[in-house]
N, C-alpha and C. Protein backbone atom coordinates (compact mmCIF):
# COMPACT_ATOMS: atom_id res chain seq x y z
N MET A 1 -84.96 -16.82 -43.94
CA MET A 1 -85.07 -17.56 -45.50
C MET A 1 -85.87 -16.62 -46.46
N LYS A 2 -86.63 -15.77 -45.55
CA LYS A 2 -87.69 -14.73 -46.54
C LYS A 2 -86.59 -13.70 -46.74
N LYS A 3 -85.46 -13.33 -45.91
CA LYS A 3 -84.38 -12.26 -46.61
C LYS A 3 -83.59 -12.81 -47.58
N SER A 4 -83.29 -13.97 -47.35
CA SER A 4 -82.45 -14.47 -48.83
C SER A 4 -83.29 -14.12 -49.61
N LEU A 5 -84.54 -14.70 -49.70
CA LEU A 5 -85.77 -14.54 -50.81
C LEU A 5 -85.84 -13.16 -51.29
N LEU A 6 -86.17 -12.17 -50.05
CA LEU A 6 -85.96 -11.04 -50.60
C LEU A 6 -84.80 -9.93 -51.58
N LEU A 7 -83.87 -10.75 -50.82
CA LEU A 7 -82.51 -10.34 -51.53
C LEU A 7 -82.36 -10.57 -53.15
N LEU A 8 -82.45 -11.82 -52.85
CA LEU A 8 -82.12 -12.57 -54.58
C LEU A 8 -83.52 -11.77 -55.19
N LEU A 9 -84.91 -11.54 -54.87
CA LEU A 9 -86.02 -10.47 -55.71
C LEU A 9 -85.43 -9.29 -56.26
N VAL A 10 -84.48 -8.74 -55.29
CA VAL A 10 -83.85 -7.41 -55.20
C VAL A 10 -82.65 -7.38 -56.66
N PHE A 11 -82.10 -8.24 -56.43
CA PHE A 11 -81.06 -8.40 -57.61
C PHE A 11 -81.39 -8.87 -58.83
N VAL A 12 -82.36 -9.43 -58.83
CA VAL A 12 -83.13 -9.85 -60.20
C VAL A 12 -83.71 -8.89 -60.90
N THR A 13 -84.28 -8.10 -59.99
CA THR A 13 -85.03 -6.82 -60.60
C THR A 13 -84.04 -6.26 -60.98
N ALA A 14 -83.06 -5.47 -59.87
CA ALA A 14 -81.99 -4.67 -60.14
C ALA A 14 -81.09 -4.85 -61.81
N GLY A 15 -81.09 -6.07 -61.95
CA GLY A 15 -80.64 -6.85 -63.20
C GLY A 15 -81.44 -6.94 -64.48
N ILE A 16 -82.53 -6.98 -64.26
CA ILE A 16 -83.47 -6.80 -65.28
C ILE A 16 -83.32 -5.14 -65.83
N VAL A 17 -83.68 -4.37 -64.91
CA VAL A 17 -83.18 -2.98 -64.78
C VAL A 17 -81.95 -2.80 -65.82
N SER A 18 -81.35 -3.08 -65.08
CA SER A 18 -79.93 -2.66 -65.79
C SER A 18 -79.53 -3.10 -67.46
N VAL A 19 -80.23 -4.27 -67.61
CA VAL A 19 -80.03 -4.94 -69.24
C VAL A 19 -81.03 -4.02 -69.97
N SER A 20 -82.21 -3.47 -69.49
CA SER A 20 -83.06 -2.78 -70.08
C SER A 20 -82.09 -1.54 -70.55
N ALA A 21 -81.41 -1.18 -69.54
CA ALA A 21 -81.44 0.23 -69.89
C ALA A 21 -80.23 0.24 -70.51
N GLN A 22 -79.25 -0.95 -71.14
CA GLN A 22 -78.19 -0.91 -71.61
C GLN A 22 -78.56 -1.50 -73.07
N LYS A 23 -79.91 -2.14 -73.14
CA LYS A 23 -80.13 -2.34 -74.40
C LYS A 23 -80.54 -0.69 -74.89
N GLU A 24 -80.77 0.39 -74.79
CA GLU A 24 -81.23 1.44 -75.36
C GLU A 24 -79.36 2.05 -75.97
N LYS A 25 -79.79 2.45 -77.15
CA LYS A 25 -78.37 2.98 -77.96
C LYS A 25 -78.66 4.14 -78.88
N SER A 26 -77.78 4.87 -79.01
CA SER A 26 -77.58 6.04 -80.06
C SER A 26 -77.18 5.79 -80.99
N LEU A 27 -78.03 6.09 -82.51
CA LEU A 27 -77.89 5.90 -83.68
C LEU A 27 -76.92 6.82 -84.32
N PHE A 28 -76.78 8.11 -83.57
CA PHE A 28 -76.28 9.04 -83.81
C PHE A 28 -75.31 9.48 -83.05
N ASN A 29 -73.95 9.70 -83.35
CA ASN A 29 -72.91 10.27 -82.33
C ASN A 29 -72.61 11.64 -82.36
N GLY A 30 -73.40 12.54 -83.01
CA GLY A 30 -73.22 13.88 -82.99
C GLY A 30 -72.15 14.52 -83.50
N LYS A 31 -71.02 13.61 -84.41
CA LYS A 31 -69.87 13.89 -85.02
C LYS A 31 -69.91 14.00 -86.74
N ASN A 32 -70.31 12.37 -86.85
CA ASN A 32 -70.29 12.01 -87.94
C ASN A 32 -71.33 11.45 -88.92
N LEU A 33 -71.45 10.51 -89.85
CA LEU A 33 -72.43 9.45 -90.18
C LEU A 33 -72.02 8.07 -90.14
N LYS A 34 -71.20 7.99 -89.35
CA LYS A 34 -70.81 6.68 -88.75
C LYS A 34 -72.29 5.61 -88.79
N GLY A 35 -72.58 4.25 -89.50
CA GLY A 35 -72.98 3.59 -89.26
C GLY A 35 -74.80 3.56 -89.96
N TRP A 36 -74.74 4.77 -90.91
CA TRP A 36 -75.48 5.18 -91.76
C TRP A 36 -74.96 5.02 -93.17
N GLU A 37 -76.06 4.95 -94.24
CA GLU A 37 -76.05 5.12 -95.54
C GLU A 37 -76.74 5.76 -96.12
N ILE A 38 -75.89 6.39 -97.23
CA ILE A 38 -76.83 7.76 -98.19
C ILE A 38 -77.22 7.46 -99.29
N HIS A 39 -78.68 7.16 -99.64
CA HIS A 39 -78.85 7.00 -100.94
C HIS A 39 -79.72 8.08 -101.65
N GLY A 40 -78.94 8.41 -102.93
CA GLY A 40 -79.26 9.82 -103.60
C GLY A 40 -78.56 10.81 -103.26
N THR A 41 -78.88 12.04 -103.87
CA THR A 41 -77.89 12.97 -104.12
C THR A 41 -78.46 14.10 -103.33
N GLU A 42 -79.62 13.99 -102.15
CA GLU A 42 -79.64 14.90 -101.44
C GLU A 42 -78.97 15.07 -100.58
N LYS A 43 -79.01 16.32 -99.41
CA LYS A 43 -77.54 16.48 -99.09
C LYS A 43 -77.58 15.96 -97.39
N TRP A 44 -77.10 15.27 -96.35
CA TRP A 44 -77.24 15.09 -95.17
C TRP A 44 -75.33 15.24 -94.39
N TYR A 45 -75.60 15.88 -93.39
CA TYR A 45 -74.50 16.31 -92.98
C TYR A 45 -74.46 16.59 -91.52
N VAL A 46 -73.49 16.83 -90.75
CA VAL A 46 -73.71 17.24 -89.02
C VAL A 46 -73.00 18.32 -89.07
N GLU A 47 -74.04 19.31 -88.28
CA GLU A 47 -73.61 20.95 -87.82
C GLU A 47 -74.19 20.85 -86.61
N ASP A 48 -73.04 21.67 -85.71
CA ASP A 48 -73.68 21.89 -84.57
C ASP A 48 -73.93 20.58 -83.47
N GLY A 49 -73.45 19.35 -83.73
CA GLY A 49 -74.00 18.38 -83.35
C GLY A 49 -75.32 17.93 -83.56
N LEU A 50 -75.97 18.38 -84.66
CA LEU A 50 -77.19 18.19 -85.06
C LEU A 50 -76.91 17.16 -86.65
N LEU A 51 -78.10 16.45 -86.94
CA LEU A 51 -78.20 15.94 -88.06
C LEU A 51 -79.02 16.54 -88.95
N VAL A 52 -78.43 16.96 -90.15
CA VAL A 52 -79.21 17.72 -90.76
C VAL A 52 -79.59 17.09 -92.62
N CYS A 53 -80.60 17.50 -92.63
CA CYS A 53 -81.37 16.64 -94.40
C CYS A 53 -81.49 18.03 -94.80
N GLU A 54 -81.40 17.89 -95.96
CA GLU A 54 -81.56 19.57 -96.95
C GLU A 54 -81.79 19.07 -98.43
N SER A 55 -82.52 19.76 -98.98
CA SER A 55 -82.53 19.45 -100.27
C SER A 55 -81.64 19.76 -101.29
N GLY A 56 -81.08 18.90 -102.19
CA GLY A 56 -79.89 19.52 -102.96
C GLY A 56 -80.40 19.79 -104.37
N PRO A 57 -79.09 19.77 -105.36
CA PRO A 57 -79.92 20.60 -106.66
C PRO A 57 -80.65 19.93 -107.47
N ASP A 58 -80.25 18.55 -107.01
CA ASP A 58 -81.75 17.65 -108.04
C ASP A 58 -83.10 17.52 -107.57
N LYS A 59 -82.96 17.85 -105.79
CA LYS A 59 -84.48 18.26 -105.52
C LYS A 59 -85.66 17.20 -106.13
N GLU A 60 -84.75 15.44 -105.23
CA GLU A 60 -85.52 14.41 -105.86
C GLU A 60 -85.10 13.60 -104.39
N TYR A 61 -86.14 12.77 -103.99
CA TYR A 61 -86.35 12.17 -103.10
C TYR A 61 -84.85 11.45 -103.10
N GLY A 62 -84.32 11.40 -101.32
CA GLY A 62 -83.24 11.08 -100.76
C GLY A 62 -83.47 10.60 -98.98
N TYR A 63 -82.39 9.01 -99.24
CA TYR A 63 -82.58 8.63 -97.79
C TYR A 63 -81.25 8.50 -97.15
N LEU A 64 -81.28 8.51 -95.37
CA LEU A 64 -80.31 8.19 -95.04
C LEU A 64 -80.88 7.04 -94.24
N SER A 65 -80.16 5.63 -94.45
CA SER A 65 -80.03 4.40 -93.36
C SER A 65 -79.45 4.00 -92.67
N THR A 66 -79.97 2.89 -91.71
CA THR A 66 -79.17 2.90 -90.62
C THR A 66 -78.14 1.26 -91.73
N GLU A 67 -77.01 1.32 -91.23
CA GLU A 67 -76.61 0.07 -92.24
C GLU A 67 -76.84 -1.37 -91.46
N LYS A 68 -77.34 -1.34 -89.90
CA LYS A 68 -78.08 -2.66 -89.50
C LYS A 68 -79.91 -2.52 -89.95
N PHE A 69 -80.08 -3.91 -89.50
CA PHE A 69 -81.70 -4.35 -90.17
C PHE A 69 -82.12 -4.14 -88.41
N TYR A 70 -83.05 -3.59 -87.96
CA TYR A 70 -83.93 -3.38 -87.04
C TYR A 70 -85.52 -4.02 -87.35
N ASP A 71 -85.59 -4.91 -86.35
CA ASP A 71 -86.97 -5.80 -86.94
C ASP A 71 -87.91 -5.13 -85.83
N ASP A 72 -87.80 -5.54 -84.19
CA ASP A 72 -88.34 -5.00 -83.19
C ASP A 72 -87.83 -4.18 -82.34
N PHE A 73 -88.63 -2.86 -82.49
CA PHE A 73 -87.53 -1.87 -81.57
C PHE A 73 -88.55 -0.48 -80.94
N ASP A 74 -87.91 -0.01 -79.73
CA ASP A 74 -88.83 1.19 -79.48
C ASP A 74 -87.74 2.49 -79.91
N LEU A 75 -88.17 3.26 -80.97
CA LEU A 75 -87.31 4.39 -81.11
C LEU A 75 -87.69 5.61 -81.10
N THR A 76 -86.69 6.57 -80.57
CA THR A 76 -87.64 8.08 -80.24
C THR A 76 -86.11 8.68 -81.04
N VAL A 77 -86.88 9.97 -81.62
CA VAL A 77 -86.07 11.08 -82.28
C VAL A 77 -86.52 12.13 -82.41
N GLU A 78 -85.86 13.33 -82.12
CA GLU A 78 -86.80 14.61 -82.13
C GLU A 78 -86.16 15.33 -83.20
N PHE A 79 -87.03 16.22 -83.78
CA PHE A 79 -86.84 16.73 -85.11
C PHE A 79 -87.47 18.07 -85.30
N LEU A 80 -86.26 19.12 -85.52
CA LEU A 80 -87.16 20.24 -85.80
C LEU A 80 -87.04 20.74 -87.58
N GLN A 81 -88.14 21.51 -87.84
CA GLN A 81 -88.34 21.27 -89.41
C GLN A 81 -87.95 23.01 -89.81
N GLU A 82 -87.34 23.16 -90.58
CA GLU A 82 -87.28 24.45 -91.27
C GLU A 82 -87.69 24.18 -92.57
N ALA A 83 -88.33 25.66 -93.11
CA ALA A 83 -89.09 25.90 -94.56
C ALA A 83 -89.92 24.52 -94.54
N ASN A 84 -89.77 23.91 -95.65
CA ASN A 84 -90.90 23.04 -95.63
C ASN A 84 -90.32 21.79 -95.48
N GLY A 85 -90.90 20.98 -94.35
CA GLY A 85 -90.38 20.13 -93.44
C GLY A 85 -90.69 18.86 -93.70
N ASN A 86 -90.83 18.54 -94.84
CA ASN A 86 -91.48 17.49 -95.50
C ASN A 86 -90.48 16.13 -95.53
N SER A 87 -90.60 15.16 -94.78
CA SER A 87 -89.56 14.21 -94.49
C SER A 87 -89.92 13.00 -94.29
N GLY A 88 -89.35 12.07 -93.33
CA GLY A 88 -90.14 10.96 -92.34
C GLY A 88 -89.00 10.31 -91.71
N VAL A 89 -89.81 9.39 -91.07
CA VAL A 89 -88.76 8.02 -90.56
C VAL A 89 -89.77 6.72 -91.08
N PHE A 90 -88.31 5.86 -91.37
CA PHE A 90 -88.99 4.46 -92.19
C PHE A 90 -88.38 3.58 -91.10
N PHE A 91 -89.36 2.47 -91.19
CA PHE A 91 -88.74 1.18 -90.73
C PHE A 91 -88.98 0.30 -91.41
N ARG A 92 -88.17 -0.69 -91.29
CA ARG A 92 -88.07 -1.94 -91.88
C ARG A 92 -88.12 -1.93 -93.29
N SER A 93 -87.24 -1.03 -93.88
CA SER A 93 -87.20 -0.59 -95.17
C SER A 93 -85.88 -1.33 -95.74
N THR A 94 -86.20 -1.39 -97.26
CA THR A 94 -84.80 -1.60 -98.08
C THR A 94 -85.14 -0.79 -99.51
N PHE A 95 -83.59 -0.72 -99.80
CA PHE A 95 -83.72 0.19 -100.76
C PHE A 95 -83.05 -0.17 -102.19
N ASP A 96 -83.29 0.36 -103.16
CA ASP A 96 -82.63 0.05 -104.42
C ASP A 96 -82.58 1.52 -105.01
N GLY A 97 -81.35 1.89 -105.49
CA GLY A 97 -81.57 3.11 -105.50
C GLY A 97 -82.02 4.05 -104.06
N THR A 98 -82.84 5.25 -104.79
CA THR A 98 -84.36 6.00 -103.77
C THR A 98 -85.36 5.21 -103.81
N LYS A 99 -85.50 4.19 -104.17
CA LYS A 99 -86.77 3.45 -104.70
C LYS A 99 -86.70 2.56 -103.31
N VAL A 100 -87.64 2.89 -102.43
CA VAL A 100 -87.97 2.00 -100.80
C VAL A 100 -88.83 1.47 -100.68
N SER A 101 -88.99 -0.12 -100.02
CA SER A 101 -89.77 -0.74 -99.80
C SER A 101 -89.96 -1.07 -98.48
N GLY A 102 -90.97 -0.29 -98.12
CA GLY A 102 -91.10 -0.27 -96.27
C GLY A 102 -92.10 0.54 -95.92
N TRP A 103 -91.94 1.25 -94.94
CA TRP A 103 -93.23 1.88 -94.13
C TRP A 103 -92.41 3.16 -93.78
N GLN A 104 -93.33 4.40 -93.93
CA GLN A 104 -92.87 5.66 -93.32
C GLN A 104 -93.91 5.96 -92.39
N VAL A 105 -93.11 6.46 -91.19
CA VAL A 105 -94.24 7.62 -90.23
C VAL A 105 -94.04 8.66 -90.74
N GLU A 106 -94.87 9.79 -90.94
CA GLU A 106 -94.64 10.61 -91.63
C GLU A 106 -94.17 11.74 -90.95
N VAL A 107 -93.19 12.44 -91.07
CA VAL A 107 -92.88 13.96 -90.59
C VAL A 107 -92.80 15.52 -92.00
N ALA A 108 -94.17 16.03 -91.23
CA ALA A 108 -94.61 16.64 -92.50
C ALA A 108 -94.95 18.21 -92.41
N PRO A 109 -95.10 19.62 -93.21
CA PRO A 109 -95.84 20.44 -92.61
C PRO A 109 -97.21 20.10 -91.94
N PRO A 110 -97.41 21.10 -91.25
CA PRO A 110 -98.93 21.27 -90.42
C PRO A 110 -99.94 20.82 -91.25
N ASN A 111 -100.86 19.96 -91.16
CA ASN A 111 -102.18 19.49 -91.59
C ASN A 111 -101.58 18.21 -92.81
N HIS A 112 -100.57 17.55 -92.49
CA HIS A 112 -100.06 16.77 -93.51
C HIS A 112 -99.82 15.90 -92.99
N ASP A 113 -100.51 15.26 -91.68
CA ASP A 113 -100.51 13.63 -91.14
C ASP A 113 -99.15 13.53 -90.56
N THR A 114 -98.41 14.35 -89.83
CA THR A 114 -97.52 13.87 -89.40
C THR A 114 -97.59 12.77 -87.90
N GLY A 115 -96.85 11.49 -88.19
CA GLY A 115 -97.01 10.75 -87.07
C GLY A 115 -97.95 9.48 -87.76
N GLY A 116 -98.50 9.69 -88.87
CA GLY A 116 -99.33 8.54 -89.72
C GLY A 116 -98.25 7.70 -90.45
N ILE A 117 -99.01 6.87 -91.05
CA ILE A 117 -97.83 5.29 -91.38
C ILE A 117 -98.54 5.49 -93.34
N TYR A 118 -97.61 5.25 -93.87
CA TYR A 118 -97.64 5.43 -95.47
C TYR A 118 -96.88 3.96 -95.80
N GLU A 119 -97.08 3.41 -96.96
CA GLU A 119 -96.38 2.37 -97.51
C GLU A 119 -96.06 2.81 -98.37
N SER A 120 -94.43 3.06 -98.73
CA SER A 120 -94.38 3.55 -100.40
C SER A 120 -94.25 2.62 -101.08
N TYR A 121 -94.61 2.99 -102.58
CA TYR A 121 -94.66 1.82 -103.48
C TYR A 121 -95.24 0.62 -103.31
N GLY A 122 -96.38 0.94 -102.37
CA GLY A 122 -97.44 -0.09 -102.22
C GLY A 122 -98.85 -0.15 -102.00
N ARG A 123 -99.76 0.01 -100.77
CA ARG A 123 -100.96 0.56 -100.42
C ARG A 123 -101.19 2.00 -100.50
N GLY A 124 -100.03 2.41 -99.71
CA GLY A 124 -100.27 3.88 -99.55
C GLY A 124 -100.59 4.54 -98.17
N TRP A 125 -101.58 5.21 -97.57
CA TRP A 125 -101.82 5.93 -96.48
C TRP A 125 -102.23 4.64 -95.85
N LEU A 126 -101.99 4.08 -94.62
CA LEU A 126 -102.25 2.78 -93.96
C LEU A 126 -103.08 3.84 -92.83
N VAL A 127 -102.62 4.98 -92.20
CA VAL A 127 -103.17 5.44 -91.03
C VAL A 127 -102.94 6.74 -91.16
N GLN A 128 -104.09 7.59 -91.71
CA GLN A 128 -103.79 9.01 -91.55
C GLN A 128 -104.31 9.80 -90.17
N ILE A 129 -104.07 11.03 -89.81
CA ILE A 129 -104.10 11.72 -88.30
C ILE A 129 -105.12 12.51 -88.45
N PRO A 130 -106.17 12.10 -87.62
CA PRO A 130 -107.53 13.21 -87.68
C PRO A 130 -107.40 14.63 -87.25
N ASP A 131 -108.06 15.34 -87.70
CA ASP A 131 -107.87 16.74 -87.79
C ASP A 131 -107.53 17.15 -86.80
N GLU A 132 -107.96 16.37 -85.45
CA GLU A 132 -108.02 17.38 -84.11
C GLU A 132 -106.50 16.65 -83.52
N LYS A 133 -105.88 16.19 -84.03
CA LYS A 133 -104.66 15.82 -83.67
C LYS A 133 -103.49 16.51 -84.69
N GLU A 134 -104.07 17.12 -85.30
CA GLU A 134 -102.86 18.30 -86.30
C GLU A 134 -102.31 18.80 -85.63
N ASN A 135 -102.76 19.56 -84.39
CA ASN A 135 -102.08 20.68 -83.51
C ASN A 135 -101.00 20.27 -82.81
N ILE A 136 -100.86 18.89 -83.02
CA ILE A 136 -99.77 18.68 -81.74
C ILE A 136 -98.37 18.97 -82.17
N LEU A 137 -98.48 19.00 -83.62
CA LEU A 137 -97.11 19.11 -84.55
C LEU A 137 -96.71 21.12 -84.01
N LYS A 138 -95.21 21.10 -83.69
CA LYS A 138 -94.93 22.29 -83.32
C LYS A 138 -94.05 23.08 -84.69
N MET A 139 -94.44 23.18 -85.51
CA MET A 139 -93.57 23.59 -86.89
C MET A 139 -92.66 24.52 -86.33
N GLY A 140 -91.52 24.47 -86.56
CA GLY A 140 -90.35 25.01 -86.35
C GLY A 140 -89.55 25.19 -84.74
N GLU A 141 -90.34 24.38 -84.09
CA GLU A 141 -89.67 23.80 -82.85
C GLU A 141 -89.53 22.25 -82.77
N TRP A 142 -88.76 22.23 -81.77
CA TRP A 142 -88.30 20.42 -81.48
C TRP A 142 -89.39 19.90 -81.17
N ASN A 143 -89.78 18.76 -81.93
CA ASN A 143 -90.58 17.93 -81.58
C ASN A 143 -90.10 16.39 -81.51
N THR A 144 -90.78 15.82 -80.54
CA THR A 144 -90.44 14.41 -80.23
C THR A 144 -91.05 13.24 -80.89
N MET A 145 -90.85 12.18 -81.83
CA MET A 145 -91.09 11.19 -82.35
C MET A 145 -90.75 9.71 -81.42
N ARG A 146 -91.86 9.42 -81.39
CA ARG A 146 -91.54 7.71 -80.70
C ARG A 146 -92.30 6.85 -81.73
N ILE A 147 -91.64 5.74 -81.72
CA ILE A 147 -92.21 4.81 -82.46
C ILE A 147 -91.70 3.31 -82.39
N ARG A 148 -92.95 2.65 -82.21
CA ARG A 148 -92.92 1.12 -81.13
C ARG A 148 -93.12 0.10 -82.33
N VAL A 149 -92.35 -0.64 -82.87
CA VAL A 149 -92.85 -1.68 -83.80
C VAL A 149 -92.62 -3.22 -83.27
N GLU A 150 -93.37 -4.00 -82.79
CA GLU A 150 -93.12 -5.30 -82.86
C GLU A 150 -93.99 -6.21 -83.22
N GLY A 151 -93.50 -6.99 -83.96
CA GLY A 151 -94.16 -7.83 -84.69
C GLY A 151 -94.75 -6.74 -86.01
N GLY A 152 -96.36 -7.58 -86.07
CA GLY A 152 -97.00 -6.84 -87.19
C GLY A 152 -97.74 -5.34 -86.24
N HIS A 153 -97.46 -4.82 -84.90
CA HIS A 153 -97.88 -3.88 -83.81
C HIS A 153 -97.00 -2.24 -84.05
N VAL A 154 -97.37 -1.82 -84.87
CA VAL A 154 -96.96 -0.01 -84.50
C VAL A 154 -97.55 0.47 -84.06
N THR A 155 -97.24 1.12 -83.20
CA THR A 155 -97.53 2.38 -82.28
C THR A 155 -96.61 3.91 -82.47
N THR A 156 -97.64 5.07 -82.73
CA THR A 156 -96.49 6.01 -82.89
C THR A 156 -97.32 6.94 -81.82
N TRP A 157 -96.28 8.26 -81.52
CA TRP A 157 -96.21 9.23 -80.56
C TRP A 157 -95.55 10.25 -80.97
N LEU A 158 -96.42 11.44 -81.02
CA LEU A 158 -95.81 12.75 -81.25
C LEU A 158 -95.88 13.57 -80.12
N ASN A 159 -94.87 13.95 -79.17
CA ASN A 159 -94.64 14.67 -78.48
C ASN A 159 -95.96 14.25 -77.30
N GLU A 160 -95.41 13.26 -76.81
CA GLU A 160 -95.96 12.24 -75.93
C GLU A 160 -97.56 11.96 -76.37
N VAL A 161 -97.88 12.21 -77.54
CA VAL A 161 -99.32 11.71 -77.50
C VAL A 161 -99.51 10.93 -78.85
N GLN A 162 -100.16 9.48 -78.39
CA GLN A 162 -100.49 8.71 -79.23
C GLN A 162 -101.21 9.15 -80.74
N MET A 163 -100.54 8.90 -81.83
CA MET A 163 -100.79 9.21 -82.77
C MET A 163 -101.51 7.66 -83.76
N VAL A 164 -100.53 6.76 -83.65
CA VAL A 164 -101.38 5.66 -84.25
C VAL A 164 -101.18 4.29 -83.80
N ASP A 165 -101.96 3.50 -83.42
CA ASP A 165 -101.87 2.15 -83.29
C ASP A 165 -102.73 1.26 -84.07
N LEU A 166 -102.07 0.56 -84.89
CA LEU A 166 -102.36 -0.32 -85.82
C LEU A 166 -101.28 -1.74 -85.92
N GLU A 167 -102.44 -2.60 -86.03
CA GLU A 167 -101.66 -4.08 -86.29
C GLU A 167 -101.75 -4.48 -87.88
N ASP A 168 -100.70 -4.67 -88.73
CA ASP A 168 -100.99 -5.10 -90.02
C ASP A 168 -99.73 -6.03 -90.48
N GLU A 169 -100.49 -7.66 -91.09
CA GLU A 169 -99.91 -8.53 -91.24
C GLU A 169 -98.58 -8.26 -92.37
N LYS A 170 -98.86 -7.11 -93.16
CA LYS A 170 -97.70 -7.44 -93.95
C LYS A 170 -96.40 -6.45 -93.36
N ILE A 171 -96.95 -5.76 -92.46
CA ILE A 171 -95.72 -5.27 -91.57
C ILE A 171 -94.83 -6.53 -90.49
N GLY A 172 -96.24 -6.84 -90.29
CA GLY A 172 -95.34 -7.82 -89.71
C GLY A 172 -94.03 -9.14 -89.85
N GLU A 173 -94.22 -9.16 -91.94
CA GLU A 173 -93.54 -10.04 -92.53
C GLU A 173 -91.96 -9.16 -92.98
N GLY A 174 -91.75 -8.09 -92.50
CA GLY A 174 -90.98 -7.19 -93.45
C GLY A 174 -89.79 -7.14 -92.54
N LYS A 175 -88.81 -6.62 -93.22
CA LYS A 175 -87.67 -6.66 -92.38
C LYS A 175 -86.69 -5.34 -93.45
N GLY A 176 -85.75 -4.82 -92.32
CA GLY A 176 -84.98 -3.72 -93.07
C GLY A 176 -84.68 -3.11 -92.05
N ALA A 177 -83.82 -1.84 -92.72
CA ALA A 177 -83.15 -0.84 -91.82
C ALA A 177 -84.53 0.56 -91.24
N ILE A 178 -83.89 1.15 -90.54
CA ILE A 178 -84.81 2.24 -89.89
C ILE A 178 -83.83 3.39 -91.22
N ALA A 179 -84.57 4.67 -91.52
CA ALA A 179 -84.08 5.49 -92.01
C ALA A 179 -84.62 6.64 -92.10
N LEU A 180 -84.26 7.83 -92.51
CA LEU A 180 -84.84 9.09 -92.53
C LEU A 180 -84.68 9.55 -93.84
N GLN A 181 -86.10 10.48 -94.32
CA GLN A 181 -86.31 10.80 -96.00
C GLN A 181 -85.89 12.12 -95.98
N ILE A 182 -86.00 12.61 -97.08
CA ILE A 182 -86.23 13.50 -97.55
C ILE A 182 -86.75 13.76 -98.75
N HIS A 183 -88.31 14.63 -98.74
CA HIS A 183 -89.08 14.16 -100.14
C HIS A 183 -88.54 14.86 -101.14
N SER A 184 -88.86 14.71 -102.56
CA SER A 184 -88.65 15.46 -103.33
C SER A 184 -89.26 16.59 -103.52
N GLY A 185 -89.14 17.49 -104.62
CA GLY A 185 -89.79 19.02 -104.47
C GLY A 185 -88.67 20.20 -103.87
N GLY A 186 -87.50 19.76 -103.14
CA GLY A 186 -86.97 21.17 -103.09
C GLY A 186 -87.30 21.79 -102.03
N GLY A 187 -86.18 22.32 -101.47
CA GLY A 187 -86.96 23.67 -100.25
C GLY A 187 -86.84 22.91 -98.84
N ILE A 188 -86.37 21.79 -98.89
CA ILE A 188 -86.36 20.86 -97.36
C ILE A 188 -85.25 20.90 -96.81
N LYS A 189 -85.72 21.54 -95.11
CA LYS A 189 -84.33 21.36 -94.67
C LYS A 189 -85.20 20.77 -92.92
N VAL A 190 -84.58 20.07 -92.19
CA VAL A 190 -84.87 19.12 -91.03
C VAL A 190 -83.75 18.96 -90.60
N LYS A 191 -83.70 19.29 -89.24
CA LYS A 191 -82.59 18.88 -88.44
C LYS A 191 -83.10 17.74 -87.09
N TRP A 192 -82.38 17.04 -87.13
CA TRP A 192 -82.33 15.30 -86.22
C TRP A 192 -81.46 15.51 -85.17
N ARG A 193 -81.99 15.14 -83.99
CA ARG A 193 -80.62 15.31 -82.60
C ARG A 193 -81.37 13.73 -81.77
N ASN A 194 -81.09 13.00 -80.89
CA ASN A 194 -81.26 11.97 -80.13
C ASN A 194 -81.93 11.12 -80.43
N ILE A 195 -81.55 10.43 -81.51
CA ILE A 195 -82.06 9.31 -82.40
C ILE A 195 -81.36 8.23 -81.34
N LYS A 196 -82.24 7.62 -80.73
CA LYS A 196 -82.19 6.83 -79.69
C LYS A 196 -83.33 5.44 -80.13
N VAL A 197 -82.46 4.07 -79.71
CA VAL A 197 -83.28 3.05 -80.45
C VAL A 197 -83.02 1.56 -79.01
N THR A 198 -84.32 1.28 -78.59
CA THR A 198 -83.75 -0.09 -77.81
C THR A 198 -84.35 -1.14 -78.91
N GLU A 199 -83.97 -2.04 -78.69
CA GLU A 199 -84.47 -3.41 -79.54
C GLU A 199 -85.08 -4.27 -78.65
N LEU A 200 -86.46 -4.63 -78.95
CA LEU A 200 -87.20 -5.52 -78.37
C LEU A 200 -86.92 -6.85 -78.26
């Protein structure tokens, strides 16, 4: 009887682990922009298996959003900033041209709050990064951002260091896509890879 129960627990645990592992999926296939939608005239392209965003001649805001909406999720993405790295990862966001409604986890040059949370066309900064955490960003090197959104609870990590832990009622009511941003002003180039999401 005990052996049967033990075997059952082993199979159930293995099943849970297997289902959990199956949930994670890659949002970028390393070949093209399948599953994504471009907003604006800035440049989004694939080069050497990397997703690249680059300012275009209009030097305006640009976005690349998932065609699918994601509510509760755990996202990891690696980014490398070249030149001015002012960008961001948006969540629960919708678009009207290049006007975005939603929330941004900041990706910016040093000392500009990478990992903080900003509400576009709304309340502005919800959480900025304390000065003592500004050295966690490695400009010109690959960095890993992790974003976990569950209900109104948002947690961000940069290079495995927690940056933000926020509970917000308005975020809890949000619906929309995951998106990458190019800031206005020109001169921006950011490379992305290993964009993976687990729906919760």
